[in-house]
Amino acid sequence: MLASSSVDLREAMRTRAFREDLYHRLNVVPLLLPPLRARREDIAPLAELFLLRERERSPACAARRFAPESLDALRGYAWPGNVRELRGAVERAALLCGHEQIPLQALPSALFESPQTLWEGRARRPSLKDLEQAYIRHVLEQSQGNQTRAAQVLGISRKALWEKRRRYGIP
């Protein structure tokens, strides 16, 4: 059996947030793997593997490779969702792209949009409220709507996230 967690299970066990018997059952041979952002050299090979799998799974997929700027964007992104997020981004791009080469525009915009590009061409400078709202939307998009994960990334409780979403009108 193989299991993974983004939570420190030993600490969760100590605080009684995770069952001790289950921890000992799962902790036979622990494998500690650094996050994807610490293994930048793995991003391109993993993306190519996910693209190959998508081509095998979907005969309608025309994509065969990534444009160089697409690979640069993949390597430059922090990947808070780790390998699962990378796989989702590649699958999405492969399905949406009708070309042999996946262009930058087929990737999720969060991979190549910097905070500066969010405000280019605006008549006024963004307020702290504007920035907070945009960042919350960005984190929710990156966590694929997972409230718990988004709240963890933001460093706030789920209740605080819910209140901010209500205040800003974020669905």
Protein backbone atom coordinates (compact mmCIF):
# COMPACT_ATOMS: atom_id res chain seq x y z
CA MET A 1 0.00 0.00 0.00
CA LEU A 2 1.20 3.49 -0.85
CA ALA A 3 -0.17 6.64 0.74
CA SER A 4 0.77 10.30 0.57
CA SER A 5 0.03 13.36 2.61
CA SER A 6 0.83 17.05 2.45
CA VAL A 7 0.46 17.22 6.24
CA ASP A 8 3.09 16.26 8.80
CA LEU A 9 1.36 13.11 10.05
CA ARG A 10 3.65 12.74 13.05
CA GLU A 11 2.66 16.22 14.25
CA ALA A 12 -1.00 15.55 13.43
CA MET A 13 -0.78 12.37 15.50
CA ARG A 14 0.71 14.29 18.43
CA THR A 15 -2.12 16.82 18.34
CA ARG A 16 -4.64 13.99 17.99
CA ALA A 17 -5.73 15.19 14.55
CA PHE A 18 -4.61 11.84 13.09
CA ARG A 19 -5.12 8.37 14.55
CA GLU A 20 -1.97 6.87 16.08
CA ASP A 21 -2.76 3.30 15.00
CA LEU A 22 -3.27 4.43 11.41
CA TYR A 23 -0.02 6.41 11.51
CA HIS A 24 1.93 3.32 12.58
CA ARG A 25 0.22 1.20 9.94
CA LEU A 26 1.17 3.68 7.19
CA ASN A 27 4.64 4.55 8.46
CA VAL A 28 6.35 1.25 7.57
CA VAL A 29 8.73 2.66 4.95
CA PRO A 30 8.43 6.45 4.87
CA LEU A 31 9.51 8.20 1.68
CA LEU A 32 10.08 11.91 2.09
CA LEU A 33 9.85 13.64 -1.25
CA PRO A 34 10.60 17.36 -1.55
CA PRO A 35 7.93 19.52 -3.19
CA LEU A 36 8.03 19.94 -6.95
CA ARG A 37 9.22 23.56 -6.64
CA ALA A 38 12.42 22.18 -5.05
CA ARG A 39 12.89 19.72 -7.94
CA ARG A 40 12.73 22.01 -10.98
CA GLU A 41 14.69 19.49 -13.07
CA ASP A 42 11.76 17.03 -12.74
CA ILE A 43 9.12 19.39 -14.14
CA ALA A 44 9.82 19.01 -17.89
CA PRO A 45 10.16 15.18 -17.85
CA LEU A 46 6.98 14.87 -15.78
CA ALA A 47 5.11 17.23 -18.11
CA GLU A 48 6.25 15.21 -21.13
CA LEU A 49 5.12 11.99 -19.42
CA PHE A 50 1.69 13.45 -18.62
CA LEU A 51 1.36 14.66 -22.22
CA LEU A 52 2.24 11.19 -23.53
CA ARG A 53 -0.34 9.60 -21.21
CA GLU A 54 -2.99 12.08 -22.35
CA ARG A 55 -2.26 11.29 -26.00
CA GLU A 56 -2.61 7.56 -25.29
CA ARG A 57 -5.84 8.10 -23.36
CA SER A 58 -7.48 10.53 -25.78
CA PRO A 59 -7.19 9.89 -29.52
CA ALA A 60 -8.50 13.43 -30.19
CA CYS A 61 -5.42 14.96 -28.54
CA ALA A 62 -3.30 16.60 -31.24
CA ALA A 63 -0.55 17.88 -28.92
CA ARG A 64 2.85 16.22 -29.29
CA ARG A 65 5.22 18.63 -27.54
CA PHE A 66 5.49 21.89 -25.62
CA ALA A 67 6.59 25.21 -27.06
CA PRO A 68 9.85 26.36 -25.43
CA GLU A 69 8.10 29.27 -23.68
CA SER A 70 5.52 26.82 -22.30
CA LEU A 71 8.26 24.68 -20.76
CA ASP A 72 9.83 27.84 -19.31
CA ALA A 73 6.49 28.78 -17.73
CA LEU A 74 6.10 25.27 -16.30
CA ARG A 75 9.60 25.41 -14.81
CA GLY A 76 9.09 28.91 -13.41
CA TYR A 77 5.86 28.22 -11.55
CA ALA A 78 5.84 27.37 -7.81
CA TRP A 79 3.40 24.42 -8.08
CA PRO A 80 1.65 24.69 -4.70
CA GLY A 81 -0.41 21.65 -5.73
CA ASN A 82 2.76 19.71 -6.59
CA VAL A 83 2.65 16.89 -9.15
CA ARG A 84 -1.16 16.66 -9.15
CA GLU A 85 -1.42 20.31 -10.16
CA LEU A 86 1.19 19.83 -12.90
CA ARG A 87 -0.68 16.80 -14.24
CA GLY A 88 -3.95 18.76 -14.28
CA ALA A 89 -2.35 21.70 -16.08
CA VAL A 90 -0.83 19.43 -18.75
CA GLU A 91 -4.06 17.47 -19.25
CA ARG A 92 -6.04 20.72 -19.59
CA ALA A 93 -3.56 22.16 -22.08
CA ALA A 94 -3.50 18.95 -24.12
CA LEU A 95 -7.28 18.81 -24.33
CA LEU A 96 -7.71 22.51 -25.18
CA CYS A 97 -4.88 22.70 -27.68
CA GLY A 98 -5.74 21.70 -31.22
CA HIS A 99 -2.16 22.01 -32.40
CA GLU A 100 0.84 19.73 -32.38
CA GLN A 101 2.75 22.11 -30.12
CA ILE A 102 1.25 23.38 -26.84
CA PRO A 103 1.55 27.18 -26.78
CA LEU A 104 1.87 29.25 -23.64
CA GLN A 105 -1.74 30.42 -23.98
CA ALA A 106 -3.05 26.85 -23.59
CA LEU A 107 -1.61 26.66 -20.07
CA PRO A 108 -3.50 28.03 -17.04
CA SER A 109 -2.94 31.79 -16.91
CA ALA A 110 -1.59 31.63 -13.35
CA LEU A 111 1.58 30.03 -14.74
CA PHE A 112 2.61 33.05 -16.75
CA GLU A 113 0.75 35.98 -15.20
CA SER A 114 2.72 37.94 -12.67
CA PRO A 115 1.02 40.27 -10.19
CA GLN A 116 2.24 43.18 -12.33
CA THR A 117 0.45 41.89 -15.45
CA LEU A 118 -2.82 41.71 -13.53
CA TRP A 119 -2.78 45.51 -13.23
CA GLU A 120 -1.24 46.66 -16.53
CA GLY A 121 -3.32 49.24 -18.33
CA ARG A 122 -5.37 50.11 -15.26
CA ALA A 123 -6.10 53.79 -14.60
CA ARG A 124 -5.27 53.52 -10.90
CA ARG A 125 -2.90 51.59 -8.70
CA PRO A 126 -4.50 48.59 -7.01
CA SER A 127 -5.55 48.94 -3.39
CA LEU A 128 -4.67 46.37 -0.75
CA LYS A 129 -8.27 45.14 -1.03
CA ASP A 130 -7.85 44.66 -4.81
CA LEU A 131 -4.61 42.74 -4.31
CA GLU A 132 -6.07 40.56 -1.56
CA GLN A 133 -9.13 39.76 -3.66
CA ALA A 134 -6.99 38.89 -6.70
CA TYR A 135 -4.66 36.75 -4.59
CA ILE A 136 -7.55 34.85 -3.00
CA ARG A 137 -9.00 34.17 -6.46
CA HIS A 138 -5.57 33.01 -7.65
CA VAL A 139 -5.08 30.64 -4.70
CA LEU A 140 -8.60 29.23 -5.08
CA GLU A 141 -7.92 28.60 -8.77
CA GLN A 142 -4.60 26.91 -7.98
CA SER A 143 -6.18 24.73 -5.29
CA GLN A 144 -8.96 23.83 -7.74
CA GLY A 145 -11.60 25.14 -5.34
CA ASN A 146 -10.34 23.08 -2.38
CA GLN A 147 -11.22 25.36 0.55
CA THR A 148 -8.99 23.63 3.08
CA ARG A 149 -5.92 23.73 0.84
CA ALA A 150 -6.58 27.35 -0.16
CA ALA A 151 -6.94 28.39 3.48
CA GLN A 152 -3.66 26.63 4.33
CA VAL A 153 -1.83 28.40 1.49
CA LEU A 154 -3.30 31.73 2.58
CA GLY A 155 -2.40 31.05 6.21
CA ILE A 156 -5.96 31.63 7.44
CA SER A 157 -8.79 29.46 8.74
CA ARG A 158 -11.50 28.07 6.48
CA LYS A 159 -13.99 30.34 8.25
CA ALA A 160 -11.85 33.41 7.54
CA LEU A 161 -11.57 32.35 3.90
CA TRP A 162 -15.35 31.94 3.70
CA GLU A 163 -15.85 35.42 5.20
CA LYS A 164 -13.38 37.01 2.77
CA ARG A 165 -15.05 35.27 -0.19
CA ARG A 166 -18.44 36.54 0.96
CA ARG A 167 -17.11 40.07 1.50
CA TYR A 168 -15.45 40.20 -1.94
CA GLY A 169 -18.21 38.34 -3.78
CA ILE A 170 -15.91 35.48 -4.80
CA PRO A 171 -17.99 32.43 -5.79
